[in-house]
Amino acid sequence: MSTPDRLSRFLIDNASFLAAGGLLTFLSGFGQTFFISVFAGQIRLEFGLSHAAWGGIYMLGTTASAAVMVWAGGLSDVFRVRHLGPMVLVALSLACAAMALNHSLLALPVVIFALRLFGQGMSSHIALVAMARWFVAARGRALSIAALGFSVAEALLPLGFVAMMQVLDWRTLWLLAAALVLLGAPVLAKLLAQERTPQSTSESNSTLGMDNRHWSRGEVLRSPLFWCMAPALLGPPAFVTAFFFHQLHFATSKGMEHLQLVALFPLYTVLTIAAMLVSGWALDRWNAVRLMPFYQLPIALAFLCFAAAGGTLGIAVGFLFLAMTNGAQATLPNSFWAECYGTRNIGAIKALATAIMVLGSAIGPGLTGLLIDLGLPFAQQGYGIAAYFLGASVLMKLGIARARTRLSPPAPQAV
């Protein structure tokens, strides 16, 4: 059977499971920075917040959600996706409704916490854990296809809601968001009416990790490999979020109109989708352990381009490199945990990684904003950010080199 035929058969045979993953990643967009920041001006005006105060509240809520994710993420090892997923979507819907109805400054950090926990945190976490657990030989393809929901949300939600903002009040739009998320709950339950790998039978479909066994979360925390990976987990959410958070400042520092920079975003989205699909194919061919030490080298080049570029072309090249890492970020790390630590406790283990990533998305904008206030433009920070990613890549290489000897060769398995 040819490769296109195999792909078509894979999509047909697993359509409901892949659609469930894509639905969860898409709906996670309502708790992502790229969506919440659309309403930053209205929220600041409504509550009388300065840029610093709004940034502080956002960081507080996000950091708290990262802490709770360490516990909440482990629920995906206990409950089936068809039960946990709809509950998380209902909670995310309530968080969107709370943003629409809230008039208390004291409650605002709590609302941000709920949006970040159930949106960026749990919705995406459940989707990617499910793909890593449900698929073995085709894990890369499954992760890349499910992760397309992130890019679709990033492309459609800000544009659509900014357009509707011309005719609808911002609070009404949050109620619309709540309704859309709530509609997703029964759809998800329907897609997973016959879940691929229920918890009761997951043992027979599991993947063993290092030393030919399943690792517990406590053992992972004592593993040097996990801490060698931590800077790489923190980096992309910290500095990619910071780049988009400070996009107006970046454009101004480069002598560009904001619209000139924003016009490159669709190109970035298309390149990211292509990188997701290519990284999924490469993952199934070579596995995550081989690929992980190299996937952050392009983002180092991206920030060098952002620092040195004098015009639109150089920044476009930077977006190309940024998309390469961002696309791979959606597939490689999620498979890496399953390959190295097994799938029995993959939810609890990946929750640690997700918490670090959410924490990064809280730290990045604040840290880079402080440096901007101290007189160092974001573009010039790109040199230091590039050095950070090079260092993280070296640390990954060292940690994986030690761990590889403890991994058994993968046995041939069905999709």
Protein backbone atom coordinates (compact mmCIF):
# COMPACT_ATOMS: atom_id res chain seq x y z
CA MET A 1 0.00 0.00 0.00
CA SER A 2 1.38 3.45 -0.95
CA THR A 3 2.06 6.14 1.64
CA PRO A 4 -0.99 8.28 0.65
CA ASP A 5 -3.19 5.19 0.84
CA ARG A 6 -1.84 4.30 4.29
CA LEU A 7 -2.43 7.86 5.48
CA SER A 8 -5.99 7.84 4.12
CA ARG A 9 -6.70 4.53 5.81
CA PHE A 10 -5.22 5.83 9.07
CA LEU A 11 -7.41 8.94 8.96
CA ILE A 12 -10.55 6.95 8.16
CA ASP A 13 -9.97 4.27 10.78
CA ASN A 14 -9.20 6.78 13.54
CA ALA A 15 -11.31 9.77 12.49
CA SER A 16 -13.33 10.08 15.71
CA PHE A 17 -10.27 9.84 17.99
CA LEU A 18 -8.25 12.35 15.96
CA ALA A 19 -11.24 14.69 15.76
CA ALA A 20 -11.63 14.50 19.54
CA GLY A 21 -7.99 15.52 19.99
CA GLY A 22 -8.34 18.33 17.47
CA LEU A 23 -11.52 19.59 19.11
CA LEU A 24 -9.84 19.78 22.52
CA THR A 25 -6.76 21.59 21.19
CA PHE A 26 -8.97 24.03 19.26
CA LEU A 27 -11.17 24.84 22.24
CA SER A 28 -8.08 25.28 24.44
CA GLY A 29 -7.61 28.48 22.43
CA PHE A 30 -10.20 30.26 24.58
CA GLY A 31 -7.74 30.05 27.47
CA GLN A 32 -4.60 30.86 25.47
CA THR A 33 -2.73 34.18 25.55
CA PHE A 34 -3.40 34.86 21.86
CA PHE A 35 -7.17 34.97 22.59
CA ILE A 36 -7.24 36.61 26.02
CA SER A 37 -4.88 39.38 24.83
CA VAL A 38 -7.48 40.41 22.23
CA PHE A 39 -9.49 41.85 25.13
CA ALA A 40 -6.55 43.35 27.04
CA GLY A 41 -7.52 46.94 26.21
CA GLN A 42 -11.12 46.54 27.34
CA ILE A 43 -10.13 44.67 30.51
CA ARG A 44 -7.57 47.33 31.46
CA LEU A 45 -10.10 50.12 30.82
CA GLU A 46 -12.90 48.34 32.70
CA PHE A 47 -10.81 47.74 35.84
CA GLY A 48 -8.55 50.81 35.62
CA LEU A 49 -5.35 48.80 35.23
CA SER A 50 -1.96 49.93 34.00
CA HIS A 51 0.03 47.71 31.65
CA ALA A 52 2.15 46.56 34.60
CA ALA A 53 -0.88 45.81 36.79
CA TRP A 54 -2.62 43.84 34.06
CA GLY A 55 0.60 41.93 33.37
CA GLY A 56 0.98 41.19 37.08
CA ILE A 57 -2.57 39.85 37.40
CA TYR A 58 -2.10 37.72 34.30
CA MET A 59 1.18 36.33 35.63
CA LEU A 60 -0.40 35.59 39.03
CA GLY A 61 -3.32 33.66 37.53
CA THR A 62 -1.12 31.77 35.09
CA THR A 63 1.45 30.83 37.72
CA ALA A 64 -1.28 29.54 40.03
CA SER A 65 -2.71 27.44 37.18
CA ALA A 66 0.73 25.95 36.56
CA ALA A 67 0.95 24.88 40.21
CA VAL A 68 -2.48 23.24 40.13
CA MET A 69 -1.68 21.49 36.83
CA VAL A 70 0.84 19.30 38.65
CA TRP A 71 -2.07 17.69 40.47
CA ALA A 72 -4.90 18.12 37.98
CA GLY A 73 -2.95 16.69 35.05
CA GLY A 74 -2.71 13.34 36.83
CA LEU A 75 -6.49 12.97 36.59
CA SER A 76 -5.99 11.89 32.97
CA ASP A 77 -4.45 8.67 34.33
CA VAL A 78 -7.56 7.99 36.41
CA PHE A 79 -10.53 9.09 34.29
CA ARG A 80 -11.36 8.24 30.70
CA VAL A 81 -11.10 11.09 28.22
CA ARG A 82 -14.78 10.79 27.34
CA HIS A 83 -15.61 11.61 30.98
CA LEU A 84 -12.83 14.03 31.94
CA GLY A 85 -12.80 15.96 28.64
CA PRO A 86 -16.43 17.16 28.75
CA MET A 87 -16.08 18.10 32.42
CA VAL A 88 -13.04 20.24 31.60
CA LEU A 89 -14.90 21.92 28.72
CA VAL A 90 -17.85 22.71 30.99
CA ALA A 91 -15.42 24.27 33.48
CA LEU A 92 -13.75 26.28 30.68
CA SER A 93 -17.18 27.46 29.53
CA LEU A 94 -17.97 28.65 33.05
CA ALA A 95 -14.63 30.49 33.15
CA CYS A 96 -15.50 32.30 29.90
CA ALA A 97 -18.90 33.22 31.33
CA ALA A 98 -17.21 34.46 34.52
CA MET A 99 -15.03 36.80 32.46
CA ALA A 100 -18.18 38.20 30.84
CA LEU A 101 -20.05 38.69 34.11
CA ASN A 102 -17.25 39.65 36.51
CA HIS A 103 -17.09 43.27 37.74
CA SER A 104 -14.74 42.70 40.69
CA LEU A 105 -11.04 43.46 40.43
CA LEU A 106 -10.34 40.99 43.26
CA ALA A 107 -12.01 38.19 41.28
CA LEU A 108 -10.10 38.94 38.07
CA PRO A 109 -7.02 36.83 38.98
CA VAL A 110 -9.35 33.93 39.80
CA VAL A 111 -11.01 34.21 36.38
CA ILE A 112 -7.61 34.29 34.65
CA PHE A 113 -6.56 31.28 36.72
CA ALA A 114 -9.63 29.31 35.57
CA LEU A 115 -9.20 30.26 31.91
CA ARG A 116 -5.54 29.25 31.95
CA LEU A 117 -6.06 26.04 33.93
CA PHE A 118 -8.97 24.63 31.93
CA GLY A 119 -7.95 26.18 28.60
CA GLN A 120 -4.21 26.27 28.03
CA GLY A 121 -3.63 23.66 30.72
CA MET A 122 -6.14 20.82 30.91
CA SER A 123 -7.81 20.94 27.47
CA SER A 124 -4.51 20.70 25.60
CA HIS A 125 -3.05 18.30 28.18
CA ILE A 126 -5.89 15.78 27.86
CA ALA A 127 -5.75 15.88 24.06
CA LEU A 128 -2.03 15.25 23.79
CA VAL A 129 -1.91 12.63 26.55
CA ALA A 130 -4.70 10.78 24.77
CA MET A 131 -2.79 10.76 21.47
CA ALA A 132 0.40 9.56 23.19
CA ARG A 133 -1.50 6.78 24.97
CA TRP A 134 -3.88 5.68 22.22
CA PHE A 135 -1.31 5.42 19.41
CA VAL A 136 2.03 3.64 19.25
CA ALA A 137 3.42 3.12 15.74
CA ALA A 138 1.53 6.19 14.45
CA ARG A 139 2.00 8.35 17.54
CA GLY A 140 3.74 11.11 15.59
CA ARG A 141 0.99 11.35 12.98
CA ALA A 142 -1.71 11.35 15.66
CA LEU A 143 -0.02 14.10 17.68
CA SER A 144 0.59 16.28 14.63
CA ILE A 145 -3.00 15.95 13.39
CA ALA A 146 -4.55 16.61 16.82
CA ALA A 147 -2.23 19.60 17.31
CA LEU A 148 -3.63 21.24 14.17
CA GLY A 149 -6.40 22.49 16.46
CA PHE A 150 -3.90 24.89 18.06
CA SER A 151 -3.01 26.49 14.73
CA VAL A 152 -6.61 26.68 13.54
CA ALA A 153 -7.60 28.41 16.80
CA GLU A 154 -4.64 30.78 16.58
CA ALA A 155 -5.55 31.69 13.01
CA LEU A 156 -9.34 32.05 13.41
CA LEU A 157 -10.23 33.06 16.97
CA PRO A 158 -8.38 36.41 17.29
CA LEU A 159 -9.33 37.48 13.77
CA GLY A 160 -12.96 36.47 14.17
CA PHE A 161 -13.47 38.02 17.60
CA VAL A 162 -11.66 41.25 16.68
CA ALA A 163 -14.02 41.56 13.71
CA MET A 164 -17.09 40.91 15.89
CA MET A 165 -15.80 43.46 18.41
CA GLN A 166 -16.81 46.16 15.94
CA VAL A 167 -20.50 45.36 16.49
CA LEU A 168 -20.68 43.50 19.83
CA ASP A 169 -19.65 44.42 23.36
CA TRP A 170 -16.59 42.58 24.66
CA ARG A 171 -18.57 40.97 27.48
CA THR A 172 -21.09 39.63 24.98
CA LEU A 173 -18.23 38.08 23.04
CA TRP A 174 -17.06 36.24 26.15
CA LEU A 175 -20.59 34.85 26.55
CA LEU A 176 -20.41 33.71 22.92
CA ALA A 177 -17.09 32.02 23.71
CA ALA A 178 -18.71 30.28 26.69
CA ALA A 179 -21.51 28.99 24.47
CA LEU A 180 -19.10 27.68 21.82
CA VAL A 181 -17.03 25.81 24.40
CA LEU A 182 -20.13 24.38 26.05
CA LEU A 183 -21.36 23.06 22.69
CA GLY A 184 -18.05 21.21 22.40
CA ALA A 185 -18.73 19.05 25.48
CA PRO A 186 -21.52 16.85 24.00
CA VAL A 187 -19.69 16.71 20.66
CA LEU A 188 -16.60 15.37 22.42
CA ALA A 189 -18.66 12.80 24.32
CA LYS A 190 -20.25 11.67 21.04
CA LEU A 191 -16.87 11.33 19.30
CA LEU A 192 -15.62 9.16 22.14
CA ALA A 193 -18.72 7.04 22.62
CA GLN A 194 -16.40 4.07 22.13
CA GLU A 195 -13.08 5.25 23.46
CA ARG A 196 -10.00 3.75 21.81
CA THR A 197 -8.13 2.76 24.96
CA PRO A 198 -10.22 2.88 28.14
CA GLN A 199 -8.24 2.96 31.36
CA SER A 200 -9.30 -0.60 32.14
CA THR A 201 -7.61 -1.96 29.03
CA SER A 202 -4.75 0.49 28.62
CA GLU A 203 -2.22 -1.91 30.09
CA SER A 204 -2.34 -4.11 27.00
CA ASN A 205 -1.73 -1.09 24.75
CA SER A 206 1.00 0.50 26.85
CA THR A 207 4.54 1.51 25.95
CA LEU A 208 7.41 0.75 28.35
CA GLY A 209 10.07 3.36 29.10
CA MET A 210 13.67 3.25 30.28
CA ASP A 211 14.79 0.05 31.99
CA ASN A 212 11.85 -1.67 30.27
CA ARG A 213 9.29 -0.48 32.83
CA HIS A 214 6.75 2.23 33.65
CA TRP A 215 7.98 5.12 35.78
CA SER A 216 6.04 6.89 38.53
CA ARG A 217 5.93 10.67 38.76
CA GLY A 218 8.11 10.63 41.88
CA GLU A 219 10.75 8.60 40.05
CA VAL A 220 10.66 11.03 37.14
CA LEU A 221 11.26 13.96 39.49
CA ARG A 222 14.36 12.17 40.78
CA SER A 223 15.55 11.46 37.25
CA PRO A 224 18.41 13.68 35.97
CA LEU A 225 16.94 13.40 32.47
CA PHE A 226 13.80 15.32 33.45
CA TRP A 227 15.81 18.24 34.81
CA CYS A 228 18.03 18.23 31.73
CA MET A 229 14.82 18.70 29.73
CA ALA A 230 13.32 21.42 31.98
CA PRO A 231 15.03 24.46 30.37
CA ALA A 232 13.91 23.25 26.94
CA LEU A 233 10.34 22.91 28.21
CA LEU A 234 10.38 26.40 29.69
CA GLY A 235 11.96 28.21 26.73
CA PRO A 236 9.45 28.13 23.84
CA PRO A 237 6.34 29.08 25.85
CA ALA A 238 8.32 31.78 27.68
CA PHE A 239 9.89 33.52 24.72
CA VAL A 240 7.40 32.83 21.94
CA THR A 241 4.63 34.14 24.21
CA ALA A 242 6.84 37.13 25.03
CA PHE A 243 7.42 37.83 21.33
CA PHE A 244 3.70 38.00 20.58
CA PHE A 245 2.96 39.80 23.86
CA HIS A 246 5.42 42.58 22.92
CA GLN A 247 4.69 42.55 19.17
CA LEU A 248 3.78 46.24 18.98
CA HIS A 249 6.96 47.24 20.79
CA PHE A 250 9.00 44.92 18.54
CA ALA A 251 7.51 46.39 15.35
CA THR A 252 8.13 49.93 16.55
CA SER A 253 11.74 49.14 17.47
CA LYS A 254 12.28 47.84 13.94
CA GLY A 255 10.74 50.92 12.34
CA MET A 256 7.80 48.90 11.02
CA GLU A 257 4.08 49.53 11.06
CA HIS A 258 2.31 47.05 13.34
CA LEU A 259 0.23 45.92 10.36
CA GLN A 260 3.42 44.99 8.47
CA LEU A 261 4.37 42.61 11.25
CA VAL A 262 0.86 41.18 11.67
CA ALA A 263 0.69 40.53 7.92
CA LEU A 264 3.39 37.89 8.43
CA PHE A 265 1.30 35.93 10.96
CA PRO A 266 -0.68 33.91 8.37
CA LEU A 267 2.63 32.83 6.82
CA TYR A 268 3.82 31.76 10.27
CA THR A 269 0.63 29.76 10.84
CA VAL A 270 0.96 27.91 7.51
CA LEU A 271 4.63 27.15 8.18
CA THR A 272 3.81 25.92 11.69
CA ILE A 273 1.17 23.52 10.35
CA ALA A 274 3.64 22.20 7.78
CA ALA A 275 6.26 21.76 10.51
CA MET A 276 3.76 19.85 12.68
CA LEU A 277 3.01 17.39 9.90
CA VAL A 278 6.67 16.93 8.95
CA SER A 279 7.70 16.47 12.58
CA GLY A 280 4.95 13.87 13.04
CA TRP A 281 6.25 11.93 10.03
CA ALA A 282 9.85 12.24 11.28
CA LEU A 283 8.80 11.13 14.76
CA ASP A 284 7.27 7.90 13.43
CA ARG A 285 10.42 7.28 11.38
CA TRP A 286 13.18 8.10 13.88
CA ASN A 287 11.48 8.50 17.34
CA ALA A 288 11.56 11.45 19.72
CA VAL A 289 14.72 10.43 21.59
CA ARG A 290 16.81 10.91 18.44
CA LEU A 291 15.17 14.16 17.37
CA MET A 292 14.76 16.08 20.63
CA PRO A 293 18.33 17.46 20.98
CA PHE A 294 18.01 19.26 17.63
CA TYR A 295 14.49 20.66 17.49
CA GLN A 296 15.27 23.93 19.32
CA LEU A 297 18.18 24.90 17.08
CA PRO A 298 15.82 26.61 14.58
CA ILE A 299 14.27 28.81 17.29
CA ALA A 300 17.75 29.97 18.27
CA LEU A 301 18.24 31.05 14.64
CA ALA A 302 14.80 32.70 14.71
CA PHE A 303 15.70 35.01 17.57
CA LEU A 304 19.05 35.80 15.97
CA CYS A 305 17.10 36.87 12.88
CA PHE A 306 14.71 38.97 14.99
CA ALA A 307 17.69 40.65 16.66
CA ALA A 308 19.70 41.33 13.51
CA ALA A 309 17.00 41.85 10.86
CA GLY A 310 16.61 45.33 9.45
CA GLY A 311 13.51 44.72 7.38
CA THR A 312 10.52 42.55 6.62
CA LEU A 313 12.47 39.87 4.74
CA GLY A 314 14.77 39.11 7.66
CA ILE A 315 11.84 38.92 10.06
CA ALA A 316 10.01 36.60 7.65
CA VAL A 317 13.04 34.29 7.71
CA GLY A 318 12.87 34.44 11.50
CA PHE A 319 9.24 33.32 11.35
CA LEU A 320 10.29 30.37 9.17
CA PHE A 321 12.74 29.16 11.82
CA LEU A 322 10.29 29.93 14.64
CA ALA A 323 7.61 27.82 12.91
CA MET A 324 9.99 24.87 12.57
CA THR A 325 10.46 24.63 16.33
CA ASN A 326 6.89 25.57 17.20
CA GLY A 327 5.52 22.84 14.95
CA ALA A 328 7.85 20.23 16.41
CA GLN A 329 6.97 21.43 19.93
CA ALA A 330 3.46 20.07 19.41
CA THR A 331 4.65 16.52 18.71
CA LEU A 332 8.16 15.64 19.90
CA PRO A 333 8.03 16.38 23.67
CA ASN A 334 4.65 14.67 24.04
CA SER A 335 6.00 11.46 22.53
CA PHE A 336 9.31 11.79 24.37
CA TRP A 337 7.71 11.25 27.79
CA ALA A 338 6.00 8.07 26.61
CA GLU A 339 9.21 6.71 25.06
CA CYS A 340 11.38 7.42 28.11
CA TYR A 341 9.00 6.87 31.02
CA GLY A 342 6.23 4.62 29.68
CA THR A 343 2.52 5.32 29.27
CA ARG A 344 0.94 3.94 32.45
CA ASN A 345 1.44 7.23 34.32
CA ILE A 346 1.84 9.46 31.26
CA GLY A 347 -0.86 11.89 32.43
CA ALA A 348 0.83 12.61 35.76
CA ILE A 349 4.27 12.81 34.11
CA LYS A 350 3.18 15.10 31.31
CA ALA A 351 1.39 17.27 33.87
CA LEU A 352 4.83 18.16 35.26
CA ALA A 353 5.97 19.18 31.79
CA THR A 354 2.76 21.12 31.16
CA ALA A 355 3.15 22.95 34.48
CA ILE A 356 6.67 24.04 33.50
CA MET A 357 5.42 25.21 30.11
CA VAL A 358 2.53 27.18 31.63
CA LEU A 359 4.96 28.69 34.12
CA GLY A 360 7.18 29.69 31.21
CA SER A 361 4.27 31.49 29.54
CA ALA A 362 3.85 33.46 32.78
CA ILE A 363 7.54 34.30 33.25
CA GLY A 364 8.46 35.21 29.67
CA PRO A 365 6.35 38.36 29.14
CA GLY A 366 7.16 39.68 32.61
CA LEU A 367 10.92 39.11 32.37
CA THR A 368 11.28 40.55 28.88
CA GLY A 369 8.99 43.45 29.80
CA LEU A 370 11.22 44.29 32.76
CA LEU A 371 14.26 44.32 30.48
CA ILE A 372 12.41 46.59 28.05
CA ASP A 373 11.66 49.00 30.92
CA LEU A 374 15.36 48.90 31.83
CA GLY A 375 16.24 50.05 28.32
CA LEU A 376 16.97 46.81 26.47
CA PRO A 377 14.62 46.48 23.46
CA PHE A 378 13.07 43.08 22.86
CA ALA A 379 14.85 42.74 19.51
CA GLN A 380 18.24 43.09 21.21
CA GLN A 381 17.21 40.55 23.81
CA GLY A 382 17.07 38.08 20.91
CA TYR A 383 20.83 37.45 21.15
CA GLY A 384 20.51 36.33 24.75
CA ILE A 385 17.38 34.30 24.01
CA ALA A 386 19.20 32.51 21.17
CA ALA A 387 22.04 31.67 23.54
CA TYR A 388 19.49 30.27 26.01
CA PHE A 389 18.10 27.87 23.38
CA LEU A 390 21.57 26.75 22.35
CA GLY A 391 22.38 25.99 25.98
CA ALA A 392 19.09 24.13 26.42
CA SER A 393 19.89 22.02 23.34
CA VAL A 394 23.31 21.08 24.70
CA LEU A 395 21.76 20.12 28.04
CA MET A 396 19.15 17.96 26.27
CA LYS A 397 21.89 16.25 24.28
CA LEU A 398 23.84 15.40 27.43
CA GLY A 399 20.80 14.10 29.31
CA ILE A 400 19.50 12.00 26.42
CA ALA A 401 22.94 10.54 25.71
CA ARG A 402 22.98 9.06 29.22
CA ALA A 403 19.37 7.87 29.03
CA ARG A 404 19.57 6.25 25.59
CA THR A 405 21.56 3.27 26.87
CA ARG A 406 18.62 2.43 29.19
CA LEU A 407 16.06 2.33 26.40
CA SER A 408 15.09 -0.94 24.75
CA PRO A 409 14.84 -0.99 20.95
CA PRO A 410 11.20 -0.34 20.01
CA ALA A 411 9.35 -3.51 19.09
CA PRO A 412 7.19 -3.51 15.96
CA GLN A 413 3.62 -2.70 16.96
CA ALA A 414 0.36 -2.07 15.20
CA VAL A 415 -1.10 1.40 14.95
